[in-house]
Amino acid sequence: MHLGMTENLVETNPKAARDMLTEARETTRQALTELRDLVRGIHPPVLVERGLPGAVEALALTHHLPITVTTHLPGRPPDPVESAAYFAIAELLTNTAKHAGATQARIHINHGRQRLIITVTDNGHGGATPTPESGLNGIARRLDSFDGTMNITSPTGGPTIITLEIPCALSSPKTLPSSATDS
């Protein structure tokens, strides 16, 4: 569909021009919806509204396992780091539910040595290892783009302890939403 062609039809065939404009409006609406969905996937609104601590708390509340979340962040990580951390935690919780046989999990988030440090622990049967197509490997690749690291301790019999470290500075504490306080 071309708007120039539609413009030419306005004088000669107004009905066809209106039909083309209706189609253009619908196509534009669909594209905008897809773009909004993509942006939400890249940086979910809960991160904007509540910061990483609040977003992880919300994630934990929707999980079927009991999850304890503790945080100590005196500021906010940059948006790309916050998104990467959030999605990594979500993937780790998904893995816990699908593969670990765990009955509970803990998430601890803090900042030290100019690094965001996230530890996810579950009481499952252990044996977590990254394979080329696994979610763990995907997390490692995403962290690598920030010069971050993932350390997995998962002996047979459990527990599994996964520590993520992402180099970053935090923003001023003043920019933290009031709901994103230490838990």
Protein backbone atom coordinates (compact mmCIF):
# COMPACT_ATOMS: atom_id res chain seq x y z
CA MET A 1 0.00 0.00 0.00
CA HIS A 2 1.32 3.43 -0.98
CA LEU A 3 0.01 6.70 0.37
CA GLY A 4 1.09 8.47 -2.83
CA MET A 5 -1.19 6.21 -4.84
CA THR A 6 -4.00 6.89 -2.39
CA GLU A 7 -3.44 10.61 -2.77
CA ASN A 8 -3.83 10.27 -6.56
CA LEU A 9 -7.10 8.36 -6.10
CA VAL A 10 -8.75 11.03 -3.92
CA GLU A 11 -9.95 12.95 -7.00
CA THR A 12 -10.63 10.05 -9.38
CA ASN A 13 -11.90 7.32 -7.05
CA PRO A 14 -12.74 8.66 -3.56
CA LYS A 15 -14.17 5.34 -2.33
CA ALA A 16 -10.99 3.44 -3.22
CA ALA A 17 -8.94 6.20 -1.57
CA ARG A 18 -11.05 5.92 1.63
CA ASP A 19 -10.64 2.13 1.61
CA MET A 20 -6.88 2.48 1.24
CA LEU A 21 -6.75 5.04 4.05
CA THR A 22 -8.77 2.71 6.29
CA GLU A 23 -6.32 -0.09 5.51
CA ALA A 24 -3.37 2.24 6.19
CA ARG A 25 -4.85 3.27 9.53
CA GLU A 26 -5.37 -0.39 10.55
CA THR A 27 -1.88 -1.39 9.42
CA THR A 28 -0.40 1.54 11.35
CA ARG A 29 -2.42 0.64 14.45
CA GLN A 30 -1.19 -2.97 14.28
CA ALA A 31 2.42 -1.86 13.80
CA LEU A 32 2.15 0.50 16.77
CA THR A 33 0.68 -2.28 18.93
CA GLU A 34 3.53 -4.62 17.94
CA LEU A 35 6.10 -1.91 18.65
CA ARG A 36 4.61 -1.24 22.09
CA ASP A 37 4.65 -4.97 22.87
CA LEU A 38 8.28 -5.15 21.79
CA VAL A 39 9.24 -2.19 23.98
CA ARG A 40 7.41 -3.71 26.96
CA GLY A 41 9.34 -6.93 26.38
CA ILE A 42 12.63 -5.07 26.31
CA HIS A 43 11.91 -2.99 29.40
CA PRO A 44 8.68 -4.04 31.14
CA PRO A 45 6.62 -1.20 32.66
CA VAL A 46 6.99 -2.71 36.14
CA LEU A 47 10.72 -1.94 35.95
CA VAL A 48 10.02 1.69 35.13
CA GLU A 49 7.41 1.99 37.86
CA ARG A 50 9.02 0.00 40.67
CA GLY A 51 12.67 -0.56 39.80
CA LEU A 52 14.41 -3.93 39.91
CA PRO A 53 13.54 -4.74 43.55
CA GLY A 54 9.83 -4.10 43.07
CA ALA A 55 9.73 -5.87 39.71
CA VAL A 56 11.42 -8.96 41.16
CA GLU A 57 9.03 -8.91 44.14
CA ALA A 58 6.11 -8.84 41.69
CA LEU A 59 7.67 -11.69 39.71
CA ALA A 60 8.11 -13.73 42.89
CA LEU A 61 4.47 -13.19 43.87
CA THR A 62 3.28 -14.71 40.60
CA HIS A 63 5.50 -17.79 40.90
CA HIS A 64 4.02 -21.04 42.16
CA LEU A 65 6.97 -21.70 44.51
CA PRO A 66 7.49 -19.66 47.67
CA ILE A 67 10.28 -17.21 46.88
CA THR A 68 12.05 -14.96 49.35
CA VAL A 69 13.46 -11.75 47.87
CA THR A 70 15.99 -9.57 49.67
CA THR A 71 17.53 -6.48 48.16
CA HIS A 72 19.99 -3.81 49.07
CA LEU A 73 20.33 -1.33 46.22
CA PRO A 74 21.09 2.25 47.21
CA GLY A 75 20.18 3.40 43.68
CA ARG A 76 19.05 2.08 40.31
CA PRO A 77 21.10 0.27 37.69
CA PRO A 78 21.03 1.65 34.14
CA ASP A 79 17.90 0.58 32.21
CA PRO A 80 19.66 -2.01 29.99
CA VAL A 81 21.29 -3.65 33.03
CA GLU A 82 18.00 -3.58 34.94
CA SER A 83 16.23 -5.29 32.02
CA ALA A 84 18.94 -7.91 31.59
CA ALA A 85 18.89 -8.66 35.32
CA TYR A 86 15.09 -8.90 35.43
CA PHE A 87 14.90 -11.29 32.48
CA ALA A 88 17.79 -13.38 33.81
CA ILE A 89 16.00 -13.77 37.16
CA ALA A 90 12.76 -14.65 35.36
CA GLU A 91 14.61 -17.32 33.34
CA LEU A 92 16.27 -18.73 36.47
CA LEU A 93 12.89 -18.98 38.21
CA THR A 94 11.43 -20.70 35.15
CA ASN A 95 14.31 -23.20 35.21
CA THR A 96 13.77 -23.76 38.93
CA ALA A 97 10.10 -24.57 38.33
CA LYS A 98 10.69 -26.78 35.28
CA HIS A 99 13.85 -28.68 36.12
CA ALA A 100 14.99 -28.40 39.75
CA GLY A 101 12.28 -30.18 41.70
CA ALA A 102 12.58 -27.34 44.21
CA THR A 103 10.04 -26.43 46.88
CA GLN A 104 11.40 -22.93 47.51
CA ALA A 105 13.83 -20.36 46.17
CA ARG A 106 15.64 -17.25 47.37
CA ILE A 107 16.77 -14.20 45.44
CA HIS A 108 19.28 -11.76 46.87
CA ILE A 109 20.14 -8.56 45.00
CA ASN A 110 22.82 -6.10 46.07
CA HIS A 111 25.52 -3.84 44.70
CA GLY A 112 29.19 -3.91 45.61
CA ARG A 113 32.54 -3.34 43.91
CA GLN A 114 30.68 -1.40 41.18
CA ARG A 115 28.77 -4.56 40.28
CA LEU A 116 25.13 -5.59 40.49
CA ILE A 117 25.22 -8.96 42.26
CA ILE A 118 22.26 -11.32 42.07
CA THR A 119 22.16 -14.69 43.78
CA VAL A 120 19.35 -17.14 43.08
CA THR A 121 19.25 -20.24 45.27
CA ASP A 122 16.84 -23.16 45.19
CA ASN A 123 16.53 -26.32 47.27
CA GLY A 124 16.09 -28.60 44.27
CA HIS A 125 18.02 -31.69 43.24
CA GLY A 126 20.94 -29.81 41.63
CA GLY A 127 22.77 -30.80 38.49
CA ALA A 128 22.14 -27.53 36.62
CA THR A 129 24.58 -27.17 33.72
CA PRO A 130 24.43 -24.87 30.71
CA THR A 131 24.03 -26.60 27.35
CA PRO A 132 24.18 -24.83 23.96
CA GLU A 133 20.39 -24.47 23.72
CA SER A 134 19.60 -23.96 27.42
CA GLY A 135 18.21 -20.93 29.16
CA LEU A 136 21.35 -20.85 31.29
CA ASN A 137 23.49 -20.46 28.18
CA GLY A 138 21.19 -17.68 26.97
CA ILE A 139 21.60 -15.86 30.29
CA ALA A 140 25.39 -16.21 30.07
CA ARG A 141 25.38 -14.76 26.53
CA ARG A 142 23.22 -11.79 27.58
CA LEU A 143 25.41 -11.09 30.61
CA ASP A 144 28.51 -11.30 28.43
CA SER A 145 27.27 -8.28 26.47
CA PHE A 146 27.68 -6.27 29.71
CA ASP A 147 30.99 -7.95 30.62
CA GLY A 148 28.96 -9.76 33.27
CA THR A 149 29.46 -13.26 34.62
CA MET A 150 27.40 -16.18 35.83
CA ASN A 151 28.70 -18.68 38.37
CA ILE A 152 26.78 -21.93 38.88
CA THR A 153 27.19 -24.18 41.90
CA SER A 154 24.81 -27.10 41.52
CA PRO A 155 26.03 -30.39 42.95
CA THR A 156 23.91 -33.49 42.49
CA GLY A 157 21.44 -33.48 45.36
CA GLY A 158 21.37 -29.68 45.47
CA PRO A 159 21.14 -26.94 46.33
CA THR A 160 21.67 -24.86 43.20
CA ILE A 161 23.23 -21.45 43.71
CA ILE A 162 23.60 -19.18 40.70
CA THR A 163 25.36 -15.86 41.06
CA LEU A 164 25.15 -13.19 38.38
CA GLU A 165 27.47 -10.18 38.40
CA ILE A 166 27.05 -7.23 36.06
CA PRO A 167 29.44 -4.27 36.18
CA CYS A 168 27.51 -1.01 36.61
CA ALA A 169 27.20 2.15 38.62
CA LEU A 170 23.93 2.96 40.35
CA SER A 171 22.00 6.18 40.01
CA SER A 172 21.36 8.48 42.92
CA PRO A 173 19.08 7.01 45.61
CA LYS A 174 16.72 9.92 44.98
CA THR A 175 15.63 8.35 41.69
CA LEU A 176 14.41 5.15 43.32
CA PRO A 177 10.63 4.80 43.41
CA SER A 178 9.31 4.77 46.97
CA SER A 179 7.99 1.20 46.53
CA ALA A 180 11.44 -0.15 45.71
CA THR A 181 12.97 -0.17 49.16
CA ASP A 182 14.92 -2.91 50.87
CA SER A 183 12.88 -6.03 51.41
